[in-house]
Protein backbone atom coordinates (compact mmCIF):
# COMPACT_ATOMS: atom_id res chain seq x y z
CA UNK A 1 237.99 52.13 -63.43
CA UNK A 2 240.38 53.80 -64.93
CA UNK A 3 243.73 53.10 -66.74
CA UNK A 4 247.04 54.79 -66.38
CA UNK A 5 249.88 54.81 -68.98
CA UNK A 6 252.82 54.03 -68.96
CA UNK A 7 254.87 55.40 -72.10
CA UNK A 8 257.82 54.24 -74.17
CA UNK A 9 259.97 57.65 -75.34
CA UNK A 10 258.14 61.13 -75.46
CA UNK A 11 256.94 60.58 -78.70
CA UNK A 12 254.64 57.99 -76.93
CA UNK A 13 253.84 60.54 -74.33
CA UNK A 14 252.83 63.45 -76.17
CA UNK A 15 250.73 61.15 -78.49
CA UNK A 16 248.96 60.23 -74.83
CA UNK A 17 247.78 64.01 -74.18
CA UNK A 18 246.16 63.82 -77.25
CA UNK A 19 244.20 60.46 -76.62
CA UNK A 20 240.75 61.29 -76.04
CA UNK A 21 240.11 58.20 -74.00
CA UNK A 22 243.07 58.89 -72.02
CA UNK A 23 242.67 60.36 -68.92
CA UNK A 24 246.04 59.67 -66.50
CA UNK A 25 249.91 59.50 -67.20
CA UNK A 26 252.92 58.10 -65.71
CA UNK A 27 256.03 59.76 -65.66
CA UNK A 28 259.43 59.29 -64.18
CA UNK A 29 261.63 62.55 -63.57
CA UNK A 30 265.31 62.85 -64.40
CA UNK A 31 267.38 61.61 -60.89
CA UNK A 32 264.60 60.98 -58.77
CA UNK A 33 262.84 58.06 -60.58
CA UNK A 34 264.80 54.57 -61.54
CA UNK A 35 264.23 51.71 -63.68
CA UNK A 36 262.64 51.74 -67.61
CA UNK A 37 260.19 54.21 -66.89
CA UNK A 38 260.25 56.86 -69.27
CA UNK A 39 262.37 59.84 -67.22
CA UNK A 40 261.82 62.92 -68.48
CA UNK A 41 263.39 66.97 -66.92
CA UNK A 42 261.94 68.54 -64.86
CA UNK A 43 262.59 71.89 -66.63
CA UNK A 44 261.01 69.55 -69.72
CA UNK A 45 257.77 68.02 -67.29
CA UNK A 46 257.54 71.84 -66.35
CA UNK A 47 256.95 73.17 -69.40
CA UNK A 48 254.33 70.68 -70.08
CA UNK A 49 252.58 70.61 -66.68
CA UNK A 50 252.18 74.79 -67.27
CA UNK A 51 249.69 73.85 -70.73
CA UNK A 52 247.74 71.22 -68.93
CA UNK A 53 243.96 72.26 -68.10
CA UNK A 54 243.05 69.03 -66.53
CA UNK A 55 245.38 66.70 -63.84
CA UNK A 56 246.31 63.47 -65.49
CA UNK A 57 249.88 63.07 -65.27
CA UNK A 58 250.88 61.51 -62.04
CA UNK A 59 254.64 60.85 -61.21
CA UNK A 60 256.98 58.12 -60.22
CA UNK A 61 259.06 58.59 -57.63
CA UNK A 62 259.99 55.55 -56.27
CA UNK A 63 263.88 55.06 -55.82
CA UNK A 64 265.04 54.95 -52.02
CA UNK A 65 267.47 57.58 -51.82
CA UNK A 66 269.88 58.25 -49.32
CA UNK A 67 270.83 60.43 -45.85
CA UNK A 68 272.73 63.19 -48.73
CA UNK A 69 269.76 62.84 -51.28
CA UNK A 70 267.75 64.60 -49.54
CA UNK A 71 267.61 68.11 -49.64
CA UNK A 72 268.33 67.60 -53.37
CA UNK A 73 265.37 65.93 -53.69
CA UNK A 74 263.52 68.82 -51.34
CA UNK A 75 265.12 70.99 -54.20
CA UNK A 76 263.51 69.19 -56.88
CA UNK A 77 260.44 68.61 -55.00
CA UNK A 78 259.94 72.76 -54.61
CA UNK A 79 260.56 73.38 -58.11
CA UNK A 80 257.30 70.99 -59.61
CA UNK A 81 253.81 73.03 -60.82
CA UNK A 82 252.44 70.54 -57.50
CA UNK A 83 248.55 72.32 -58.75
CA UNK A 84 249.29 70.52 -62.25
CA UNK A 85 250.24 67.02 -60.62
CA UNK A 86 247.67 64.39 -59.77
CA UNK A 87 249.32 62.08 -58.43
CA UNK A 88 252.41 61.88 -56.99
CA UNK A 89 253.84 57.30 -56.44
CA UNK A 90 256.47 56.97 -54.10
CA UNK A 91 258.33 54.43 -51.66
CA UNK A 92 260.90 56.09 -50.19
CA UNK A 93 258.57 57.76 -46.64
CA UNK A 94 260.98 60.88 -46.43
CA UNK A 95 259.08 61.97 -50.03
CA UNK A 96 255.61 61.29 -47.98
CA UNK A 97 257.25 63.53 -45.35
CA UNK A 98 258.16 66.07 -47.60
CA UNK A 99 255.02 65.69 -49.14
CA UNK A 100 253.30 66.03 -46.72
CA UNK A 101 254.17 68.81 -44.95
CA UNK A 102 253.40 71.17 -48.37
CA UNK A 103 249.88 69.88 -47.88
CA UNK A 104 249.50 67.81 -51.27
CA UNK A 105 249.00 64.71 -48.73
CA UNK A 106 246.25 64.08 -51.23
CA UNK A 107 248.05 64.06 -53.95
CA UNK A 108 250.07 60.72 -53.00
CA UNK A 109 250.20 56.92 -54.08
CA UNK A 110 251.75 54.61 -51.91
CA UNK A 111 254.20 52.56 -54.76
CA UNK A 112 255.85 49.41 -53.14
CA UNK A 113 254.36 46.55 -54.72
CA UNK A 114 256.70 43.59 -52.94
CA UNK A 115 255.21 45.05 -50.29
CA UNK A 116 251.55 45.00 -50.30
CA UNK A 117 250.21 41.31 -50.24
CA UNK A 118 248.02 41.55 -47.76
CA UNK A 119 245.02 43.36 -46.34
CA UNK A 120 246.48 44.48 -43.42
CA UNK A 121 249.36 46.63 -45.08
CA UNK A 122 247.10 48.06 -47.37
CA UNK A 123 244.61 49.12 -44.98
CA UNK A 124 248.15 50.42 -42.84
CA UNK A 125 249.27 52.57 -45.58
CA UNK A 126 245.84 53.33 -47.03
CA UNK A 127 245.31 54.77 -43.79
CA UNK A 128 247.64 57.75 -44.90
CA UNK A 129 247.92 58.22 -48.05
CA UNK A 130 245.32 58.70 -51.20
CA UNK A 131 246.12 55.58 -52.48
CA UNK A 132 248.13 52.71 -51.75
CA UNK A 133 248.97 50.43 -54.83
CA UNK A 134 248.27 46.36 -54.77
CA UNK A 135 251.01 43.95 -54.96
CA UNK A 136 251.51 42.41 -58.62
CA UNK A 137 253.84 39.71 -56.95
CA UNK A 138 251.05 37.48 -55.89
CA UNK A 139 248.46 35.08 -57.78
CA UNK A 140 244.84 36.42 -58.81
CA UNK A 141 243.81 34.58 -56.11
CA UNK A 142 245.56 36.19 -54.02
CA UNK A 143 244.49 39.64 -55.67
CA UNK A 144 240.51 38.87 -55.22
CA UNK A 145 241.11 37.90 -51.54
CA UNK A 146 243.38 41.29 -50.61
CA UNK A 147 240.70 43.25 -52.15
CA UNK A 148 238.02 41.69 -50.06
CA UNK A 149 238.87 43.25 -47.17
CA UNK A 150 240.68 46.76 -48.14
CA UNK A 151 238.77 49.54 -46.67
CA UNK A 152 238.81 51.88 -49.13
CA UNK A 153 239.13 51.48 -53.09
CA UNK A 154 243.08 50.98 -54.38
CA UNK A 155 245.19 50.45 -58.02
CA UNK A 156 246.49 47.71 -59.41
CA UNK A 157 249.42 46.85 -62.17
CA UNK A 158 247.08 45.37 -64.63
CA UNK A 159 249.40 44.66 -68.06
CA UNK A 160 253.30 45.74 -67.31
CA UNK A 161 257.07 42.90 -66.46
CA UNK A 162 257.61 42.68 -62.92
CA UNK A 163 261.56 43.08 -61.99
CA UNK A 164 262.52 40.41 -60.01
CA UNK A 165 265.58 40.80 -58.87
CA UNK A 166 267.12 44.34 -58.12
CA UNK A 167 270.69 45.70 -56.29
CA UNK A 168 271.95 48.68 -55.72
CA UNK A 169 275.86 47.39 -57.11
CA UNK A 170 276.62 47.66 -61.34
CA UNK A 171 276.57 44.34 -62.12
CA UNK A 172 276.35 45.00 -65.64
CA UNK A 173 279.34 46.90 -65.71
CA UNK A 174 281.47 44.85 -62.90
CA UNK A 175 280.71 42.00 -65.65
CA UNK A 176 281.57 43.48 -68.96
CA UNK A 177 285.40 44.86 -66.74
CA UNK A 178 286.05 41.48 -65.67
CA UNK A 179 285.30 39.53 -69.24
CA UNK A 180 287.24 42.71 -70.64
CA UNK A 181 284.85 43.42 -73.02
CA UNK A 182 283.52 47.18 -74.05
CA UNK A 183 280.61 48.39 -71.88
CA UNK A 184 277.99 51.05 -73.41
CA UNK A 185 276.46 52.76 -69.76
CA UNK A 186 272.55 53.20 -69.36
CA UNK A 187 271.92 50.10 -73.02
CA UNK A 188 268.98 48.54 -73.00
CA UNK A 189 269.47 45.93 -74.75
CA UNK A 190 271.22 42.87 -72.94
CA UNK A 191 269.19 39.89 -71.32
CA UNK A 192 270.13 37.33 -69.37
CA UNK A 193 269.34 33.94 -71.40
CA UNK A 194 268.39 31.00 -68.88
CA UNK A 195 270.64 28.12 -68.44
CA UNK A 196 267.40 24.70 -68.49
CA UNK A 197 265.32 26.61 -70.49
CA UNK A 198 264.21 29.04 -73.81
CA UNK A 199 263.60 32.69 -71.43
CA UNK A 200 265.66 35.89 -71.94
CA UNK A 201 265.41 37.96 -69.06
CA UNK A 202 266.14 41.65 -69.94
CA UNK A 203 268.39 43.10 -67.24
CA UNK A 204 269.80 46.51 -67.94
CA UNK A 205 271.50 49.28 -65.25
CA UNK A 206 271.29 52.92 -64.81
CA UNK A 207 273.83 54.70 -62.23
CA UNK A 208 270.90 53.53 -59.46
CA UNK A 209 271.60 49.72 -59.30
CA UNK A 210 270.65 46.31 -62.09
CA UNK A 211 267.46 45.65 -62.82
CA UNK A 212 266.42 41.91 -63.92
CA UNK A 213 263.05 41.57 -65.67
CA UNK A 214 260.36 39.07 -66.47
CA UNK A 215 260.89 37.56 -69.72
CA UNK A 216 257.37 38.18 -70.79
CA UNK A 217 254.75 40.72 -70.28
CA UNK A 218 252.08 39.32 -67.75
CA UNK A 219 248.39 41.44 -67.83
CA UNK A 220 244.76 41.46 -66.24
CA UNK A 221 241.64 41.50 -68.62
CA UNK A 222 238.39 39.19 -68.69
CA UNK A 223 239.99 39.70 -64.30
CA UNK A 224 239.72 42.81 -64.25
CA UNK A 225 235.33 42.62 -64.08
CA UNK A 226 235.56 40.19 -61.27
CA UNK A 227 237.73 42.91 -58.97
CA UNK A 228 236.49 44.67 -56.18
CA UNK A 229 237.65 47.80 -55.38
CA UNK A 230 239.92 49.23 -57.56
CA UNK A 231 240.08 53.40 -59.02
CA UNK A 232 243.00 52.83 -61.13
CA UNK A 233 244.68 50.06 -62.52
CA UNK A 234 248.67 51.08 -64.56
CA UNK A 235 249.57 49.83 -68.49
CA UNK A 236 252.78 50.03 -68.23
CA UNK A 237 253.68 49.13 -72.07
CA UNK A 238 258.17 50.44 -71.41
CA UNK A 239 259.70 47.06 -72.16
CA UNK A 240 257.50 46.45 -75.14
CA UNK A 241 258.12 46.86 -79.07
CA UNK A 242 256.72 50.36 -80.00
CA UNK A 243 254.62 48.86 -83.13
CA UNK A 244 252.50 46.58 -79.98
CA UNK A 245 252.30 49.96 -77.80
CA UNK A 246 249.14 51.47 -79.19
CA UNK A 247 247.46 48.50 -79.78
CA UNK A 248 248.24 47.19 -75.83
CA UNK A 249 246.32 50.70 -74.83
CA UNK A 250 243.75 50.73 -77.40
CA UNK A 251 242.79 47.63 -76.06
CA UNK A 252 242.76 48.68 -72.94
CA UNK A 253 241.28 52.18 -73.62
CA UNK A 254 238.48 50.83 -76.30
CA UNK A 255 237.18 46.93 -73.96
CA UNK A 256 238.63 45.39 -76.85
CA UNK A 257 240.98 42.02 -76.69
CA UNK A 258 242.83 41.55 -79.46
CA UNK A 259 245.85 43.48 -79.11
CA UNK A 260 245.86 40.14 -76.90
CA UNK A 261 246.33 37.92 -80.03
CA UNK A 262 248.25 40.13 -81.21
CA UNK A 263 251.14 40.07 -78.63
CA UNK A 264 251.48 36.18 -78.72
CA UNK A 265 254.34 34.15 -77.73
CA UNK A 266 255.41 38.13 -75.20
CA UNK A 267 252.33 37.66 -72.91
CA UNK A 268 251.56 35.44 -69.42
CA UNK A 269 250.09 35.61 -66.62
CA UNK A 270 253.26 34.82 -64.54
CA UNK A 271 253.15 34.70 -60.98
CA UNK A 272 249.71 35.96 -60.58
CA UNK A 273 248.75 32.09 -61.67
CA UNK A 274 250.14 30.40 -59.08
CA UNK A 275 249.92 30.55 -55.25
CA UNK A 276 252.04 32.59 -53.70
CA UNK A 277 253.99 32.23 -50.58
CA UNK A 278 254.17 35.74 -50.04
CA UNK A 279 251.29 36.20 -47.98
CA UNK A 280 251.60 36.62 -44.15
CA UNK A 281 247.81 36.89 -43.54
CA UNK A 282 247.52 33.11 -43.82
CA UNK A 283 251.42 33.06 -41.17
CA UNK A 284 249.68 35.77 -38.89
CA UNK A 285 246.08 34.34 -38.60
CA UNK A 286 246.27 30.11 -39.72
CA UNK A 287 244.32 30.45 -42.72
């Protein structure tokens, strides 16, 4: 089992490149990626790829593209140094069709984590991808059950914040206009306060829509030892204070659980603790 680390910024990206135990890093690409993930320009990315002697950089291209964007998408993807890229994480099947046509199907990872909630779906997408990312929107017991039925190794999320709401609408911009307040586009420090509880939900907006994140970081640690058919675990610290980022990464890389106490108050099991209502096989097979 290896760890795929999502850095928060360019400084952390550079540090990860020099870490002995880091085998995999995942970044976004400007115009092709959305949400909180750290994004590079195509030019900067290729500069780093040129210097790589080993395959360790994967790309997270999980936007859903409109028809009129496909030509621009194709032109940008063609500029990538494909021989230096390890995996492409994608959600839009248009990305799949392009990359398959170029002969790089063995680099494709299907990442639509709210969909991959049962073994039938995972196995179907595994049949034409290198890997599939299993949903982090189901309970750990359900993840265990799902993995016991998959035909090939998969990828899971081990640490991070889930998006609990997404809209293509510019909700923050509309709100600030309505309230006649000064609005800074792409500001990352806005939160929604829950009315009856003390939780704060990070809300973020970019040119592709609005995103609402869980109030705390979910994590799997001891549980990872119980799972089968897992080749990679994603560690995402992109919404974490810089001072804690390295502690979390080092904890996973060195099998040191002390980071859990350091993150007291910002960790929880989230939906992974409770049984979900998303599993289709329980409806289909009446289990």
